[in-house]
């Protein structure tokens, strides 16, 4: 998928920051999925500055719900949604996803989980509840620098263990069919089959 020069430039700028936008190969997978499956409703946990959302909405006509904890990032995301002309299809919630997810209703065709990694397991029940049968839950950064399948630095061992627990929960869940792709820092693609 071709991104606009402006969106490409913003992504390159974000990659230089402390918390960059999702990697190019992860975004390419997301965009291909959006183009192929034309989701009607997308939920993103960890909207950040809204660049991934703008890219996804550029290839499909979905309604988008985003959750972002950081007020400055949420404000930047709102300005990006205006700039790229997608703001009419956006609902953006500011705050802790653990508090917001239980309040959401309806079904989503695509959920992109890219928030705090230590909370993935906590978010899973609501993600499953909100995901329609046949829909896709994409969990980003599940292999995290190879730490999850290898040896994590001492300060990151608990984070790696949280992600291992999350991956075990996905793999053992009878309602989900999960594949972990070796793109970006690992992308778990879970289809709701029950």
Protein backbone atom coordinates (compact mmCIF):
# COMPACT_ATOMS: atom_id res chain seq x y z
CA UNK A 1 0.00 0.00 0.00
CA UNK A 2 1.25 3.46 -0.86
CA UNK A 3 1.30 5.92 2.03
CA UNK A 4 1.14 9.63 1.39
CA UNK A 5 4.49 11.44 1.47
CA UNK A 6 3.30 13.40 4.52
CA UNK A 7 2.36 10.23 6.45
CA UNK A 8 5.66 8.60 5.48
CA UNK A 9 7.55 11.68 6.74
CA UNK A 10 5.65 11.65 10.04
CA UNK A 11 6.39 7.94 10.48
CA UNK A 12 10.10 8.53 9.86
CA UNK A 13 10.05 11.33 12.45
CA UNK A 14 8.25 9.08 14.97
CA UNK A 15 10.84 6.32 14.50
CA UNK A 16 13.46 8.66 15.96
CA UNK A 17 11.45 9.10 19.18
CA UNK A 18 11.38 7.16 22.43
CA UNK A 19 8.18 5.34 21.49
CA UNK A 20 8.17 4.97 17.71
CA UNK A 21 5.28 4.03 15.48
CA UNK A 22 4.85 0.37 14.52
CA UNK A 23 7.56 -1.09 12.26
CA UNK A 24 7.17 -0.92 8.47
CA UNK A 25 6.63 -4.67 8.03
CA UNK A 26 3.99 -4.75 10.78
CA UNK A 27 2.20 -1.80 9.20
CA UNK A 28 2.39 -3.47 5.76
CA UNK A 29 0.71 -6.56 7.24
CA UNK A 30 -2.00 -4.42 8.88
CA UNK A 31 -2.68 -2.50 5.69
CA UNK A 32 -2.86 -5.66 3.58
CA UNK A 33 -5.31 -7.15 6.06
CA UNK A 34 -7.43 -3.97 6.05
CA UNK A 35 -7.46 -3.86 2.24
CA UNK A 36 -8.31 -7.57 1.93
CA UNK A 37 -10.91 -7.88 4.68
CA UNK A 38 -12.39 -4.35 4.71
CA UNK A 39 -13.12 -4.26 8.46
CA UNK A 40 -16.15 -2.18 9.43
CA UNK A 41 -14.96 -1.49 12.99
CA UNK A 42 -11.36 -1.27 14.25
CA UNK A 43 -10.20 -0.97 17.86
CA UNK A 44 -6.63 0.09 18.64
CA UNK A 45 -5.27 -0.07 22.17
CA UNK A 46 -2.32 2.31 22.20
CA UNK A 47 -3.22 4.91 19.59
CA UNK A 48 -0.05 6.93 20.27
CA UNK A 49 0.08 9.80 17.74
CA UNK A 50 -2.51 8.23 15.45
CA UNK A 51 -0.22 7.44 12.52
CA UNK A 52 -1.11 3.74 12.32
CA UNK A 53 -4.80 4.62 12.55
CA UNK A 54 -4.50 7.16 9.72
CA UNK A 55 -2.73 4.59 7.55
CA UNK A 56 -5.35 1.88 8.21
CA UNK A 57 -8.26 4.25 7.60
CA UNK A 58 -6.62 5.31 4.36
CA UNK A 59 -7.15 1.81 2.91
CA UNK A 60 -10.58 0.93 4.33
CA UNK A 61 -13.81 2.66 5.26
CA UNK A 62 -13.86 1.46 8.87
CA UNK A 63 -15.08 3.24 11.95
CA UNK A 64 -12.18 3.47 14.42
CA UNK A 65 -12.07 3.40 18.21
CA UNK A 66 -8.78 4.21 19.85
CA UNK A 67 -7.52 4.26 23.43
CA UNK A 68 -4.53 6.36 24.43
CA UNK A 69 -3.34 6.93 28.00
CA UNK A 70 -0.96 9.85 27.35
CA UNK A 71 -2.81 13.19 26.96
CA UNK A 72 -0.09 14.77 24.80
CA UNK A 73 -0.10 11.82 22.39
CA UNK A 74 -3.91 11.84 22.28
CA UNK A 75 -3.87 15.55 21.40
CA UNK A 76 -1.35 14.92 18.62
CA UNK A 77 -3.48 12.01 17.37
CA UNK A 78 -6.55 14.26 17.18
CA UNK A 79 -4.62 16.78 15.08
CA UNK A 80 -3.42 13.96 12.79
CA UNK A 81 -6.99 12.71 12.35
CA UNK A 82 -8.00 16.23 11.29
CA UNK A 83 -5.01 16.60 8.99
CA UNK A 84 -5.68 13.31 7.19
CA UNK A 85 -9.45 13.85 6.99
CA UNK A 86 -10.51 10.78 8.99
CA UNK A 87 -11.74 12.51 12.16
CA UNK A 88 -15.42 11.83 11.38
CA UNK A 89 -14.77 8.07 11.66
CA UNK A 90 -12.86 8.31 14.95
CA UNK A 91 -13.77 7.79 18.59
CA UNK A 92 -10.70 8.38 20.76
CA UNK A 93 -10.76 7.66 24.49
CA UNK A 94 -8.10 9.09 26.77
CA UNK A 95 -7.17 7.04 29.80
CA UNK A 96 -6.26 3.61 31.06
CA UNK A 97 -7.34 0.85 28.68
CA UNK A 98 -8.01 -1.41 31.67
CA UNK A 99 -10.75 1.00 32.74
CA UNK A 100 -12.06 1.86 29.27
CA UNK A 101 -12.24 -1.59 27.64
CA UNK A 102 -14.96 -2.93 30.00
CA UNK A 103 -17.16 0.04 29.01
CA UNK A 104 -16.97 -0.59 25.25
CA UNK A 105 -19.79 -2.38 23.50
CA UNK A 106 -20.48 -3.94 20.13
CA UNK A 107 -18.22 -6.07 18.01
CA UNK A 108 -14.99 -5.19 16.24
CA UNK A 109 -13.65 -6.87 13.12
CA UNK A 110 -10.04 -5.97 13.93
CA UNK A 111 -8.36 -5.22 17.25
CA UNK A 112 -4.77 -3.97 17.23
CA UNK A 113 -3.23 -4.37 20.68
CA UNK A 114 -0.16 -2.14 20.98
CA UNK A 115 -0.40 -0.73 24.49
CA UNK A 116 1.56 -1.56 27.65
CA UNK A 117 2.88 -5.10 27.16
CA UNK A 118 2.57 -6.06 30.84
CA UNK A 119 -1.19 -5.49 30.57
CA UNK A 120 -1.86 -7.68 27.51
CA UNK A 121 -3.10 -10.62 29.58
CA UNK A 122 -5.37 -8.33 31.61
CA UNK A 123 -6.87 -6.92 28.40
CA UNK A 124 -7.43 -10.31 26.76
CA UNK A 125 -10.91 -11.11 28.17
CA UNK A 126 -12.32 -7.78 26.94
CA UNK A 127 -10.56 -8.12 23.59
CA UNK A 128 -12.18 -11.53 23.14
CA UNK A 129 -15.57 -10.19 24.21
CA UNK A 130 -15.35 -7.31 21.74
CA UNK A 131 -13.96 -9.31 18.81
CA UNK A 132 -16.55 -10.71 16.40
CA UNK A 133 -16.35 -14.36 15.41
CA UNK A 134 -13.93 -14.55 12.49
CA UNK A 135 -12.32 -11.26 13.50
CA UNK A 136 -8.61 -10.76 14.10
CA UNK A 137 -6.79 -9.73 17.26
CA UNK A 138 -3.29 -8.52 16.37
CA UNK A 139 -0.97 -8.24 19.37
CA UNK A 140 2.21 -6.29 18.63
CA UNK A 141 5.73 -6.71 20.03
CA UNK A 142 5.09 -10.14 21.56
CA UNK A 143 8.67 -11.35 20.96
CA UNK A 144 10.30 -8.09 22.09
CA UNK A 145 13.92 -8.03 20.88
CA UNK A 146 14.04 -11.82 21.06
CA UNK A 147 13.71 -11.67 24.84
CA UNK A 148 10.50 -13.72 24.98
CA UNK A 149 12.00 -16.79 23.30
CA UNK A 150 15.51 -16.16 24.55
CA UNK A 151 17.25 -14.51 27.47
CA UNK A 152 16.03 -11.09 28.60
CA UNK A 153 18.26 -8.54 30.35
CA UNK A 154 17.83 -8.70 34.12
CA UNK A 155 15.71 -5.52 34.23
CA UNK A 156 13.39 -6.86 31.51
CA UNK A 157 12.86 -10.43 32.72
CA UNK A 158 9.44 -9.73 34.26
CA UNK A 159 8.28 -8.01 31.07
CA UNK A 160 9.41 -10.99 29.01
CA UNK A 161 7.63 -13.35 31.42
CA UNK A 162 4.39 -11.35 31.12
CA UNK A 163 4.56 -11.73 27.35
CA UNK A 164 5.30 -15.47 27.65
CA UNK A 165 2.19 -15.84 29.84
CA UNK A 166 0.15 -13.89 27.31
CA UNK A 167 1.34 -16.06 24.41
CA UNK A 168 0.55 -19.22 26.41
CA UNK A 169 -2.96 -17.88 27.08
CA UNK A 170 -3.48 -17.21 23.36
CA UNK A 171 -2.18 -20.64 22.34
CA UNK A 172 -4.28 -22.51 24.91
CA UNK A 173 -7.51 -20.57 24.31
CA UNK A 174 -10.02 -22.79 22.45
CA UNK A 175 -11.84 -19.71 21.13
CA UNK A 176 -8.74 -18.45 19.33
CA UNK A 177 -6.49 -19.73 16.58
CA UNK A 178 -3.13 -17.98 16.92
CA UNK A 179 -0.02 -17.67 14.80
CA UNK A 180 3.04 -15.64 15.81
CA UNK A 181 4.64 -13.88 12.86
CA UNK A 182 8.32 -12.96 12.89
CA UNK A 183 7.75 -9.39 11.74
CA UNK A 184 8.61 -6.26 13.68
CA UNK A 185 9.20 -7.39 17.25
CA UNK A 186 6.72 -10.25 16.81
CA UNK A 187 3.06 -10.02 15.84
CA UNK A 188 0.54 -12.52 17.24
CA UNK A 189 -2.42 -12.92 14.88
CA UNK A 190 -5.37 -14.51 16.67
CA UNK A 191 -8.62 -15.39 14.89
CA UNK A 192 -11.75 -15.83 16.96
CA UNK A 193 -13.16 -19.18 15.90
CA UNK A 194 -15.83 -19.71 18.59
